[in-house]
Amino acid sequence: MGAMMPGMQQEVRNRILLCIDELQLMLPQGEVCAVESAADVRRDETLAPAIGQIAYLGQNWPVLCLDGEFTAMDVLAPGRRACVMLATGKGFLGLLCDDVRVLKQPGTEDYSLPVAMRTANTPVRALMQFESGLACISDTSHLLQFGAMAKVLQQGRS
């Protein structure tokens, strides 16, 4: 690609970086409704795989604590400080993270998943170079169809 002409703007796509253990997960910024404190999660009357509930917009919503391989944990990991609120279409779901950052990604290229990673058992849609490693790219619709998140949503419909 050649040099930018005067007056041209480089595309900027804001993403939210969710850090969960060693996993760096990128979501489009518009898909994260809010970031709440993990200290606000209540551990009462919760159906597994949810680890607790959090009050958001006047109602209580389930909260998941996943490990870096997207597996639901039944204990609150000590490093989780933030609870990201994701819209489910029928309400909200909280996801506990170690850290959450808004990133401006000017023209950063996304890479297709290697063939070995293209399975129905992952919500990861693509990869991108980030800092000294790779970040996984997903979106809320794929996360909500996967594993513990899908199970929590099914419980809410019953």
Protein backbone atom coordinates (compact mmCIF):
# COMPACT_ATOMS: atom_id res chain seq x y z
CA MET A 1 0.00 0.00 0.00
CA GLY A 2 1.34 3.42 -0.92
CA ALA A 3 1.68 6.52 1.19
CA MET A 4 -1.47 8.26 2.35
CA MET A 5 -2.47 11.36 0.45
CA PRO A 6 -3.01 14.60 2.40
CA GLY A 7 -6.49 14.69 3.92
CA MET A 8 -6.92 10.88 3.88
CA GLN A 9 -7.64 9.15 7.14
CA GLN A 10 -6.50 5.70 8.12
CA GLU A 11 -9.32 3.37 9.22
CA VAL A 12 -9.52 3.12 13.00
CA ARG A 13 -11.40 0.20 14.50
CA ASN A 14 -11.80 0.37 18.23
CA ARG A 15 -11.76 -2.95 19.99
CA ILE A 16 -12.02 -4.00 23.57
CA LEU A 17 -9.20 -6.20 24.82
CA LEU A 18 -10.32 -8.69 27.47
CA CYS A 19 -7.47 -10.31 29.38
CA ILE A 20 -8.45 -13.66 30.90
CA ASP A 21 -5.48 -15.57 32.32
CA GLU A 22 -3.01 -15.56 29.38
CA LEU A 23 -5.79 -15.18 26.79
CA GLN A 24 -6.01 -11.85 24.99
CA LEU A 25 -9.48 -11.65 23.46
CA MET A 26 -10.57 -8.78 21.21
CA LEU A 27 -14.22 -7.82 20.77
CA PRO A 28 -15.67 -4.90 18.80
CA GLN A 29 -16.06 -1.98 21.19
CA GLY A 30 -19.76 -1.56 20.38
CA GLU A 31 -20.52 -5.05 21.67
CA VAL A 32 -19.48 -4.34 25.26
CA CYS A 33 -22.38 -2.61 27.02
CA ALA A 34 -20.58 -1.75 30.25
CA VAL A 35 -17.69 -2.69 32.50
CA GLU A 36 -18.60 -3.27 36.14
CA SER A 37 -16.43 -4.12 39.13
CA ALA A 38 -15.94 -7.81 39.89
CA ALA A 39 -16.45 -6.85 43.54
CA ASP A 40 -20.15 -6.23 42.71
CA VAL A 41 -20.75 -9.89 41.73
CA ARG A 42 -22.98 -11.66 44.26
CA ARG A 43 -22.50 -15.40 44.74
CA ASP A 44 -26.06 -16.20 45.88
CA GLU A 45 -28.71 -18.37 44.18
CA THR A 46 -26.80 -19.04 41.00
CA LEU A 47 -27.20 -21.96 38.60
CA ALA A 48 -23.97 -23.46 37.28
CA PRO A 49 -22.08 -22.68 35.13
CA ALA A 50 -22.71 -19.09 36.28
CA ILE A 51 -20.54 -18.13 39.23
CA GLY A 52 -22.79 -15.35 40.46
CA GLN A 53 -25.08 -12.50 39.54
CA ILE A 54 -24.61 -8.80 39.01
CA ALA A 55 -27.12 -5.97 39.09
CA TYR A 56 -27.21 -4.04 35.82
CA LEU A 57 -29.94 -1.68 34.58
CA GLY A 58 -32.19 -2.57 37.50
CA GLN A 59 -32.09 -6.37 37.12
CA ASN A 60 -29.82 -9.25 38.11
CA TRP A 61 -27.86 -11.02 35.37
CA PRO A 62 -25.70 -14.17 35.42
CA VAL A 63 -21.92 -13.85 35.50
CA LEU A 64 -19.39 -16.36 34.16
CA CYS A 65 -15.79 -16.83 35.16
CA LEU A 66 -13.90 -18.54 32.32
CA ASP A 67 -10.31 -19.66 32.19
CA GLY A 68 -7.98 -18.87 29.30
CA GLU A 69 -9.35 -21.83 27.34
CA PHE A 70 -12.99 -20.67 27.56
CA THR A 71 -13.86 -23.31 30.18
CA ALA A 72 -16.24 -22.27 32.97
CA MET A 73 -14.68 -22.14 36.42
CA ASP A 74 -16.66 -22.90 39.56
CA VAL A 75 -14.53 -20.63 41.73
CA LEU A 76 -13.87 -16.95 41.34
CA ALA A 77 -10.31 -16.56 40.04
CA PRO A 78 -8.43 -14.12 42.29
CA GLY A 79 -7.15 -11.96 39.42
CA ARG A 80 -10.58 -11.11 38.00
CA ARG A 81 -11.19 -7.39 38.57
CA ALA A 82 -13.71 -6.46 35.88
CA CYS A 83 -17.08 -7.76 34.74
CA VAL A 84 -17.84 -7.02 31.10
CA MET A 85 -21.56 -6.85 30.30
CA LEU A 86 -22.55 -8.37 26.96
CA ALA A 87 -26.02 -8.04 25.40
CA THR A 88 -27.63 -11.41 24.68
CA GLY A 89 -30.71 -10.27 22.79
CA LYS A 90 -32.88 -11.24 25.77
CA GLY A 91 -30.89 -9.47 28.45
CA PHE A 92 -27.28 -9.38 29.54
CA LEU A 93 -24.47 -11.71 30.59
CA GLY A 94 -21.45 -10.76 32.68
CA LEU A 95 -17.99 -12.10 31.85
CA LEU A 96 -15.23 -11.75 34.45
CA CYS A 97 -11.84 -10.56 33.18
CA ASP A 98 -8.46 -9.77 34.68
CA ASP A 99 -8.22 -6.53 32.71
CA VAL A 100 -10.20 -4.62 30.08
CA ARG A 101 -8.77 -2.00 27.73
CA VAL A 102 -10.12 0.01 24.80
CA LEU A 103 -7.70 -0.16 21.89
CA LYS A 104 -7.56 1.88 18.74
CA GLN A 105 -6.28 -0.40 16.02
CA PRO A 106 -5.28 1.69 13.01
CA GLY A 107 -5.25 -0.57 9.97
CA THR A 108 -4.16 -3.65 11.94
CA GLU A 109 -4.58 -6.75 9.81
CA ASP A 110 -6.61 -9.71 11.03
CA TYR A 111 -5.43 -13.19 10.06
CA SER A 112 -7.59 -16.23 9.32
CA LEU A 113 -7.40 -19.06 11.80
CA PRO A 114 -4.98 -21.84 10.90
CA VAL A 115 -6.82 -24.90 9.57
CA ALA A 116 -6.13 -26.86 12.78
CA MET A 117 -7.99 -24.19 14.82
CA ARG A 118 -11.10 -24.06 12.60
CA THR A 119 -13.49 -26.12 14.65
CA ALA A 120 -16.95 -25.70 16.09
CA ASN A 121 -15.32 -25.88 19.54
CA THR A 122 -14.03 -22.32 19.57
CA PRO A 123 -15.58 -18.86 19.47
CA VAL A 124 -12.33 -17.47 17.99
CA ARG A 125 -12.95 -16.08 14.49
CA ALA A 126 -9.50 -14.69 13.62
CA LEU A 127 -6.11 -13.74 15.06
CA MET A 128 -4.10 -10.54 15.08
CA GLN A 129 -0.61 -9.55 16.11
CA PHE A 130 -0.74 -7.68 19.37
CA GLU A 131 2.18 -6.42 21.43
CA SER A 132 4.64 -9.34 21.58
CA GLY A 133 2.16 -12.09 20.75
CA LEU A 134 -1.23 -12.87 19.29
CA ALA A 135 -4.71 -11.85 20.28
CA CYS A 136 -7.84 -13.83 19.49
CA ILE A 137 -10.69 -12.03 17.75
CA SER A 138 -14.31 -12.90 18.38
CA ASP A 139 -17.66 -11.21 18.68
CA THR A 140 -20.57 -11.50 21.06
CA SER A 141 -22.70 -13.64 18.75
CA HIS A 142 -19.99 -16.32 18.52
CA LEU A 143 -19.17 -16.16 22.24
CA LEU A 144 -22.83 -16.60 23.18
CA GLN A 145 -23.12 -19.75 21.06
CA PHE A 146 -20.16 -21.40 22.75
CA GLY A 147 -19.84 -23.65 25.78
CA ALA A 148 -20.79 -22.23 29.17
CA MET A 149 -22.21 -19.03 27.68
CA ALA A 150 -24.68 -21.00 25.54
CA LYS A 151 -25.63 -23.11 28.59
CA VAL A 152 -26.37 -20.02 30.72
CA LEU A 153 -28.54 -18.58 27.94
CA GLN A 154 -30.50 -21.84 27.62
CA GLN A 155 -31.16 -21.83 31.37
CA GLY A 156 -32.57 -18.32 31.07
CA ARG A 157 -35.03 -19.49 28.41
CA SER A 158 -36.37 -22.44 30.40
